[in-house]
Amino acid sequence: MANLSGFVKQLKDERARIEKQLSALNAALTAFVGTYKGSAKSKGTRKLSAAARKKISLAQKARWAKRRKSPRLGRAKS
C-alpha cells in the first residue's frame, strides 16, 4: 500500500507541474494574440464615410480628365 500511495503522490506532483506549464503556455498565447490582433484586422477593408468616398471619386475623375486633356506621350507612329 505504501508503494501505491507514493505512486499517487508522484502522479499528483506531475499533474501540478503540467498544469503550471499549461497556465504559462496559455498566458503566452494570450499575450501573443493580444499583440497581433489589431494588425491582422487592419489589413481588412477600411470603412470610409460617404463624404470621403465622394472626395476620392472626384479626385480620381479630375486625374482622368487631366490625363485626357494632355497630349499623349507615347512612341511616334512610323
Protein backbone atom coordinates (compact mmCIF):
# COMPACT_ATOMS: atom_id res chain seq x y z
CA MET A 1 0.00 0.00 0.00
CA ALA A 2 2.84 2.39 0.75
CA ASN A 3 4.10 1.92 -2.79
CA LEU A 4 0.67 2.77 -4.20
CA SER A 5 0.38 5.99 -2.18
CA GLY A 6 3.86 7.03 -3.35
CA PHE A 7 2.78 6.42 -6.94
CA VAL A 8 -0.38 8.51 -6.43
CA LYS A 9 1.73 11.32 -4.92
CA GLN A 10 4.04 11.24 -7.96
CA LEU A 11 1.05 11.44 -10.29
CA LYS A 12 -0.37 14.41 -8.38
CA ASP A 13 3.01 16.18 -8.48
CA GLU A 14 3.26 15.53 -12.22
CA ARG A 15 -0.26 16.86 -12.76
CA ALA A 16 0.58 20.03 -10.80
CA ARG A 17 3.75 20.53 -12.87
CA ILE A 18 1.85 20.08 -16.15
CA GLU A 19 -0.94 22.44 -15.01
CA LYS A 20 1.69 25.08 -14.22
CA GLN A 21 3.23 24.67 -17.70
CA LEU A 22 -0.19 24.87 -19.33
CA SER A 23 -1.08 28.05 -17.49
CA ALA A 24 2.22 29.59 -18.62
CA LEU A 25 1.52 28.50 -22.18
CA ASN A 26 -2.00 29.96 -22.05
CA ALA A 27 -0.60 33.25 -20.76
CA ALA A 28 1.94 33.35 -23.60
CA LEU A 29 -0.77 32.62 -26.19
CA THR A 30 -3.00 35.33 -24.76
CA ALA A 31 -0.17 37.85 -24.90
CA PHE A 32 0.75 36.82 -28.45
CA VAL A 33 -2.82 37.05 -29.73
CA GLY A 34 -3.34 40.39 -27.97
CA THR A 35 -0.20 41.83 -29.56
CA TYR A 36 -1.00 40.83 -33.13
CA LYS A 37 -4.77 41.02 -33.02
CA GLY A 38 -5.02 44.61 -34.24
CA SER A 39 -2.56 44.32 -37.11
CA ALA A 40 -4.39 41.42 -38.73
CA LYS A 41 -7.62 43.32 -38.72
CA SER A 42 -6.03 46.45 -40.17
CA LYS A 43 -5.35 44.56 -43.40
CA GLY A 44 -9.09 44.19 -43.94
CA THR A 45 -11.35 46.69 -45.62
CA ARG A 46 -11.46 50.22 -44.29
CA LYS A 47 -14.70 51.93 -43.53
CA LEU A 48 -14.94 55.29 -45.25
CA SER A 49 -17.71 57.78 -44.87
CA ALA A 50 -19.82 58.70 -47.87
CA ALA A 51 -18.18 62.13 -47.95
CA ALA A 52 -14.70 60.60 -48.05
CA ARG A 53 -15.68 58.22 -50.86
CA LYS A 54 -17.12 61.12 -52.86
CA LYS A 55 -13.97 63.19 -52.32
CA ILE A 56 -11.78 60.32 -53.54
CA SER A 57 -14.07 59.76 -56.53
CA LEU A 58 -13.95 63.41 -57.55
CA ALA A 59 -10.17 63.49 -57.22
CA GLN A 60 -9.82 60.41 -59.43
CA LYS A 61 -12.19 61.85 -62.04
CA ALA A 62 -10.11 65.04 -62.07
CA ARG A 63 -6.94 62.99 -62.66
CA TRP A 64 -8.60 61.13 -65.53
CA ALA A 65 -9.82 64.40 -67.10
CA LYS A 66 -6.36 65.93 -66.81
CA ARG A 67 -4.85 62.88 -68.47
CA ARG A 68 -7.38 63.02 -71.33
CA LYS A 69 -6.61 66.71 -71.95
CA SER A 70 -2.83 66.35 -72.14
CA PRO A 71 -1.19 65.24 -75.39
CA ARG A 72 -0.19 61.62 -75.41
CA LEU A 73 3.46 60.99 -74.78
CA GLY A 74 3.80 57.64 -76.48
CA ARG A 75 6.04 56.40 -79.25
CA ALA A 76 5.83 58.24 -82.53
CA LYS A 77 3.99 56.32 -85.22
CA SER A 78 6.17 55.37 -88.18
